[in-house]
N, C-alpha and C. Protein backbone atom coordinates (compact mmCIF):
# COMPACT_ATOMS: atom_id res chain seq x y z
N MET A 1 4.92 113.01 7.12
CA MET A 1 5.40 113.15 5.77
C MET A 1 6.69 113.96 5.79
N SER A 2 7.70 113.48 5.14
CA SER A 2 8.97 114.19 5.12
C SER A 2 8.91 115.34 4.12
N GLN A 3 9.91 116.20 4.20
CA GLN A 3 9.94 117.34 3.29
C GLN A 3 10.18 116.91 1.85
N ASP A 4 10.78 115.74 1.64
CA ASP A 4 11.04 115.26 0.29
C ASP A 4 9.78 114.71 -0.38
N GLU A 5 8.80 114.31 0.42
CA GLU A 5 7.57 113.75 -0.14
C GLU A 5 6.67 114.88 -0.64
N THR A 6 6.06 114.66 -1.78
CA THR A 6 5.10 115.62 -2.30
C THR A 6 3.76 114.93 -2.46
N VAL A 7 2.72 115.70 -2.33
CA VAL A 7 1.37 115.18 -2.51
C VAL A 7 0.88 115.64 -3.87
N VAL A 8 0.42 114.68 -4.68
CA VAL A 8 -0.12 115.02 -5.99
C VAL A 8 -1.54 115.51 -5.79
N VAL A 9 -1.81 116.72 -6.26
CA VAL A 9 -3.14 117.30 -6.16
C VAL A 9 -3.63 117.58 -7.57
N ILE A 10 -4.69 116.87 -7.98
CA ILE A 10 -5.23 117.11 -9.31
C ILE A 10 -6.43 118.04 -9.20
N PRO A 11 -6.77 118.72 -10.29
CA PRO A 11 -7.90 119.66 -10.25
C PRO A 11 -9.20 118.96 -9.83
N GLU A 12 -10.00 119.67 -9.06
CA GLU A 12 -11.24 119.09 -8.55
C GLU A 12 -12.18 118.71 -9.68
N GLU A 13 -12.27 119.50 -10.75
CA GLU A 13 -13.16 119.17 -11.87
C GLU A 13 -12.81 117.82 -12.45
N GLU A 14 -11.53 117.52 -12.52
CA GLU A 14 -11.10 116.23 -13.05
C GLU A 14 -11.53 115.10 -12.12
N ILE A 15 -11.42 115.32 -10.82
CA ILE A 15 -11.86 114.31 -9.85
C ILE A 15 -13.37 114.11 -9.97
N TYR A 16 -14.13 115.21 -10.04
CA TYR A 16 -15.58 115.10 -10.18
C TYR A 16 -15.96 114.29 -11.41
N ASP A 17 -15.33 114.59 -12.54
CA ASP A 17 -15.64 113.89 -13.78
C ASP A 17 -15.33 112.40 -13.68
N LYS A 18 -14.20 112.06 -13.10
CA LYS A 18 -13.82 110.65 -12.96
C LYS A 18 -14.77 109.91 -12.02
N ILE A 19 -15.13 110.55 -10.91
CA ILE A 19 -16.07 109.91 -9.97
C ILE A 19 -17.42 109.72 -10.65
N GLU A 20 -17.89 110.74 -11.34
CA GLU A 20 -19.19 110.65 -12.01
C GLU A 20 -19.21 109.48 -13.00
N LYS A 21 -18.22 109.37 -13.86
CA LYS A 21 -18.17 108.30 -14.85
C LYS A 21 -18.10 106.93 -14.18
N ALA A 22 -17.26 106.80 -13.16
CA ALA A 22 -17.09 105.51 -12.49
C ALA A 22 -18.36 105.07 -11.78
N VAL A 23 -19.02 106.00 -11.09
CA VAL A 23 -20.23 105.65 -10.34
C VAL A 23 -21.38 105.33 -11.28
N LEU A 24 -21.56 106.12 -12.34
CA LEU A 24 -22.66 105.86 -13.27
C LEU A 24 -22.45 104.59 -14.08
N ALA A 25 -21.24 104.06 -14.12
CA ALA A 25 -20.96 102.80 -14.81
C ALA A 25 -21.41 101.59 -13.99
N ILE A 26 -21.75 101.80 -12.73
CA ILE A 26 -22.22 100.70 -11.88
C ILE A 26 -23.68 100.44 -12.22
N PRO A 27 -24.03 99.22 -12.64
CA PRO A 27 -25.39 98.94 -13.13
C PRO A 27 -26.51 99.23 -12.12
N GLU A 28 -26.25 99.10 -10.84
CA GLU A 28 -27.28 99.33 -9.82
C GLU A 28 -27.58 100.81 -9.60
N VAL A 29 -26.71 101.69 -10.07
CA VAL A 29 -26.88 103.13 -9.87
C VAL A 29 -27.74 103.69 -11.00
N SER A 30 -28.81 104.39 -10.62
CA SER A 30 -29.68 105.03 -11.61
C SER A 30 -29.14 106.40 -11.99
N HIS A 31 -28.97 107.26 -10.98
CA HIS A 31 -28.49 108.62 -11.25
C HIS A 31 -28.10 109.29 -9.93
N PHE A 32 -27.42 110.41 -10.05
CA PHE A 32 -27.10 111.23 -8.89
C PHE A 32 -28.36 112.00 -8.51
N THR A 33 -28.52 112.28 -7.23
CA THR A 33 -29.70 113.02 -6.79
C THR A 33 -29.30 114.13 -5.84
N SER A 34 -30.24 115.00 -5.62
CA SER A 34 -30.08 116.02 -4.61
C SER A 34 -31.48 116.44 -4.21
N GLU A 35 -31.81 116.25 -2.97
CA GLU A 35 -33.15 116.58 -2.50
C GLU A 35 -33.05 117.28 -1.16
N GLY A 36 -33.78 118.37 -1.02
CA GLY A 36 -33.95 119.04 0.25
C GLY A 36 -32.68 119.29 1.02
N PHE A 37 -32.43 118.47 2.02
CA PHE A 37 -31.28 118.64 2.90
C PHE A 37 -29.97 118.62 2.13
N GLN A 38 -29.88 117.77 1.10
CA GLN A 38 -28.65 117.69 0.32
C GLN A 38 -28.40 119.00 -0.43
N ASP A 39 -29.48 119.62 -0.93
CA ASP A 39 -29.31 120.93 -1.58
C ASP A 39 -28.78 121.95 -0.59
N LEU A 40 -29.34 121.93 0.62
CA LEU A 40 -28.90 122.84 1.68
C LEU A 40 -27.44 122.57 2.03
N LEU A 41 -27.09 121.29 2.20
CA LEU A 41 -25.71 120.92 2.53
C LEU A 41 -24.76 121.40 1.45
N SER A 42 -25.14 121.19 0.20
CA SER A 42 -24.29 121.62 -0.91
C SER A 42 -24.14 123.14 -0.91
N GLY A 43 -25.24 123.87 -0.66
CA GLY A 43 -25.18 125.33 -0.63
C GLY A 43 -24.31 125.84 0.49
N ILE A 44 -24.46 125.24 1.67
CA ILE A 44 -23.62 125.62 2.81
C ILE A 44 -22.16 125.30 2.52
N GLY A 45 -21.93 124.13 1.97
CA GLY A 45 -20.56 123.73 1.64
C GLY A 45 -19.91 124.68 0.68
N GLN A 46 -20.66 125.09 -0.34
CA GLN A 46 -20.10 126.02 -1.31
C GLN A 46 -19.84 127.39 -0.68
N ALA A 47 -20.66 127.78 0.27
CA ALA A 47 -20.45 129.06 0.96
C ALA A 47 -19.15 129.04 1.75
N PHE A 48 -18.75 127.85 2.23
CA PHE A 48 -17.50 127.73 2.99
C PHE A 48 -16.32 127.30 2.12
N GLY A 49 -16.49 127.36 0.81
CA GLY A 49 -15.37 127.08 -0.09
C GLY A 49 -15.29 125.66 -0.58
N TYR A 50 -16.28 124.81 -0.23
CA TYR A 50 -16.30 123.46 -0.77
C TYR A 50 -17.05 123.49 -2.09
N LYS A 51 -16.57 122.74 -3.04
CA LYS A 51 -17.21 122.76 -4.35
C LYS A 51 -18.11 121.55 -4.50
N GLY A 52 -19.26 121.78 -5.11
CA GLY A 52 -20.18 120.70 -5.39
C GLY A 52 -20.34 120.54 -6.89
N HIS A 53 -20.67 119.33 -7.31
CA HIS A 53 -20.79 119.05 -8.74
C HIS A 53 -21.67 117.82 -8.89
N LYS A 54 -22.82 117.99 -9.54
CA LYS A 54 -23.70 116.87 -9.84
C LYS A 54 -23.97 116.01 -8.60
N GLU A 55 -24.33 116.66 -7.54
CA GLU A 55 -24.68 116.00 -6.30
C GLU A 55 -23.51 115.24 -5.68
N LEU A 56 -22.33 115.73 -5.94
CA LEU A 56 -21.11 115.29 -5.28
C LEU A 56 -20.58 116.47 -4.50
N LEU A 57 -20.12 116.23 -3.32
CA LEU A 57 -19.49 117.29 -2.54
C LEU A 57 -18.10 116.81 -2.15
N LEU A 58 -17.10 117.54 -2.55
CA LEU A 58 -15.71 117.19 -2.29
C LEU A 58 -15.12 118.23 -1.37
N ARG A 59 -14.57 117.76 -0.25
CA ARG A 59 -13.92 118.67 0.69
C ARG A 59 -12.47 118.24 0.84
N ARG A 60 -11.59 119.21 0.80
CA ARG A 60 -10.15 118.93 0.97
C ARG A 60 -9.63 119.69 2.17
N SER A 61 -8.80 119.01 2.94
CA SER A 61 -8.17 119.62 4.10
C SER A 61 -6.75 119.07 4.20
N ARG A 62 -5.81 119.93 4.50
CA ARG A 62 -4.42 119.47 4.64
C ARG A 62 -4.30 118.44 5.76
N GLU A 63 -5.00 118.69 6.85
CA GLU A 63 -4.90 117.80 8.01
C GLU A 63 -5.66 116.49 7.81
N GLU A 64 -6.85 116.58 7.24
CA GLU A 64 -7.71 115.41 7.15
C GLU A 64 -7.72 114.74 5.78
N GLY A 65 -7.34 115.44 4.74
CA GLY A 65 -7.35 114.87 3.40
C GLY A 65 -8.65 115.13 2.68
N ILE A 66 -9.04 114.20 1.81
CA ILE A 66 -10.23 114.33 0.98
C ILE A 66 -11.41 113.64 1.64
N LYS A 67 -12.55 114.30 1.64
CA LYS A 67 -13.80 113.69 2.07
C LYS A 67 -14.81 113.91 0.96
N VAL A 68 -15.53 112.84 0.58
CA VAL A 68 -16.48 112.90 -0.52
C VAL A 68 -17.86 112.52 0.00
N ASP A 69 -18.87 113.30 -0.37
CA ASP A 69 -20.27 112.98 -0.10
C ASP A 69 -20.95 112.78 -1.45
N ILE A 70 -21.64 111.64 -1.60
CA ILE A 70 -22.29 111.30 -2.86
C ILE A 70 -23.75 110.99 -2.57
N PHE A 71 -24.65 111.56 -3.37
CA PHE A 71 -26.08 111.36 -3.22
C PHE A 71 -26.60 110.64 -4.46
N LEU A 72 -27.22 109.45 -4.25
CA LEU A 72 -27.59 108.59 -5.38
C LEU A 72 -29.01 108.07 -5.30
N ALA A 73 -29.55 107.76 -6.49
CA ALA A 73 -30.76 106.94 -6.62
C ALA A 73 -30.30 105.60 -7.18
N LEU A 74 -30.78 104.53 -6.59
CA LEU A 74 -30.45 103.18 -7.05
C LEU A 74 -31.67 102.55 -7.68
N HIS A 75 -31.42 101.53 -8.49
CA HIS A 75 -32.52 100.76 -9.06
C HIS A 75 -33.10 99.86 -7.97
N LYS A 76 -34.45 99.73 -7.99
CA LYS A 76 -35.09 98.81 -7.06
C LYS A 76 -34.56 97.41 -7.31
N ASN A 77 -34.71 96.56 -6.37
CA ASN A 77 -34.27 95.16 -6.44
C ASN A 77 -32.75 95.00 -6.35
N CYS A 78 -32.02 96.08 -6.11
CA CYS A 78 -30.58 95.91 -5.89
C CYS A 78 -30.35 95.76 -4.39
N ARG A 79 -29.22 95.29 -4.03
CA ARG A 79 -28.86 95.17 -2.62
C ARG A 79 -28.23 96.50 -2.20
N VAL A 80 -29.00 97.28 -1.47
CA VAL A 80 -28.63 98.66 -1.18
C VAL A 80 -27.31 98.76 -0.43
N ILE A 81 -27.16 98.02 0.65
CA ILE A 81 -25.94 98.12 1.46
C ILE A 81 -24.72 97.68 0.66
N GLU A 82 -24.85 96.56 -0.05
CA GLU A 82 -23.72 96.06 -0.84
C GLU A 82 -23.37 97.04 -1.96
N THR A 83 -24.40 97.63 -2.58
CA THR A 83 -24.14 98.59 -3.65
C THR A 83 -23.44 99.84 -3.11
N ALA A 84 -23.90 100.35 -1.97
CA ALA A 84 -23.26 101.53 -1.37
C ALA A 84 -21.80 101.23 -1.02
N ARG A 85 -21.55 100.06 -0.46
CA ARG A 85 -20.16 99.69 -0.16
C ARG A 85 -19.32 99.58 -1.43
N TYR A 86 -19.92 99.03 -2.48
CA TYR A 86 -19.21 98.90 -3.75
C TYR A 86 -18.89 100.28 -4.33
N VAL A 87 -19.85 101.21 -4.25
CA VAL A 87 -19.61 102.58 -4.72
C VAL A 87 -18.45 103.19 -3.94
N GLN A 88 -18.45 102.99 -2.61
CA GLN A 88 -17.34 103.50 -1.80
C GLN A 88 -16.01 102.93 -2.26
N MET A 89 -15.98 101.62 -2.51
CA MET A 89 -14.74 100.97 -2.94
C MET A 89 -14.28 101.52 -4.29
N VAL A 90 -15.21 101.68 -5.22
CA VAL A 90 -14.86 102.20 -6.55
C VAL A 90 -14.29 103.61 -6.43
N VAL A 91 -14.94 104.46 -5.64
CA VAL A 91 -14.48 105.84 -5.49
C VAL A 91 -13.14 105.87 -4.76
N ARG A 92 -12.98 105.07 -3.72
CA ARG A 92 -11.70 105.02 -2.99
C ARG A 92 -10.56 104.59 -3.93
N ASN A 93 -10.78 103.54 -4.71
CA ASN A 93 -9.74 103.06 -5.64
C ASN A 93 -9.43 104.11 -6.69
N LEU A 94 -10.46 104.82 -7.17
CA LEU A 94 -10.24 105.88 -8.14
C LEU A 94 -9.39 106.98 -7.54
N LEU A 95 -9.73 107.43 -6.33
CA LEU A 95 -8.96 108.49 -5.68
C LEU A 95 -7.52 108.06 -5.43
N LEU A 96 -7.33 106.82 -5.00
CA LEU A 96 -5.97 106.34 -4.76
C LEU A 96 -5.15 106.29 -6.04
N SER A 97 -5.82 106.11 -7.19
CA SER A 97 -5.10 106.03 -8.46
C SER A 97 -4.74 107.39 -9.03
N VAL A 98 -5.43 108.46 -8.57
CA VAL A 98 -5.18 109.77 -9.17
C VAL A 98 -4.53 110.78 -8.23
N THR A 99 -4.46 110.48 -6.95
CA THR A 99 -3.86 111.43 -6.02
C THR A 99 -3.22 110.71 -4.84
N ASP A 100 -2.27 111.37 -4.24
CA ASP A 100 -1.61 110.83 -3.05
C ASP A 100 -2.23 111.37 -1.77
N GLU A 101 -3.27 112.19 -1.91
CA GLU A 101 -3.90 112.76 -0.73
C GLU A 101 -4.57 111.67 0.11
N LYS A 102 -4.57 111.89 1.41
CA LYS A 102 -5.24 110.98 2.34
C LYS A 102 -6.75 111.06 2.10
N ILE A 103 -7.44 109.93 2.23
CA ILE A 103 -8.88 109.89 2.08
C ILE A 103 -9.48 109.75 3.47
N SER A 104 -10.21 110.76 3.90
CA SER A 104 -10.76 110.72 5.25
C SER A 104 -12.16 110.14 5.29
N GLY A 105 -12.85 110.08 4.16
CA GLY A 105 -14.18 109.49 4.16
C GLY A 105 -14.86 109.58 2.82
N ILE A 106 -15.71 108.58 2.57
CA ILE A 106 -16.56 108.57 1.39
C ILE A 106 -17.95 108.20 1.88
N ASP A 107 -18.83 109.19 1.95
CA ASP A 107 -20.17 108.97 2.47
C ASP A 107 -21.15 108.86 1.30
N ILE A 108 -21.93 107.79 1.32
CA ILE A 108 -22.93 107.55 0.28
C ILE A 108 -24.30 107.73 0.92
N THR A 109 -25.13 108.58 0.31
CA THR A 109 -26.50 108.76 0.77
C THR A 109 -27.43 108.30 -0.36
N ILE A 110 -28.26 107.32 -0.06
CA ILE A 110 -29.23 106.82 -1.03
C ILE A 110 -30.52 107.60 -0.79
N THR A 111 -30.93 108.41 -1.77
CA THR A 111 -32.10 109.27 -1.59
C THR A 111 -33.34 108.71 -2.28
N ASP A 112 -33.17 107.71 -3.17
CA ASP A 112 -34.33 107.20 -3.88
C ASP A 112 -34.03 105.82 -4.44
N LEU A 113 -35.10 105.04 -4.60
CA LEU A 113 -35.05 103.76 -5.32
C LEU A 113 -36.01 103.89 -6.48
N VAL A 114 -35.55 103.64 -7.68
CA VAL A 114 -36.37 103.82 -8.89
C VAL A 114 -36.49 102.51 -9.65
N ASN A 115 -37.53 102.44 -10.50
CA ASN A 115 -37.73 101.23 -11.32
C ASN A 115 -36.71 101.15 -12.41
């Protein structure tokens, strides 16, 4: 990146809100979840300066860019792998539309299937 290029960095709360709305608009998604290990991961992440919000964990690094961890419950009878990939695509497109930061990963963890 040259010195003339700037990276647009928007507030994390705004990113969390946009991700939450976009993901919950997907019909196969029931709700965000956090169970056991995810609670621990979120707590550890927050201890190291990563912020968590509604079972989303967003990490930013100058070298690596943005990494997002999302924990979800899906509706039964949905195609889990296709839905997870679709959630990744939606979140990636959202991030690309609001920031110039590099995206290093979007990890989706399905913790439950509900009726």
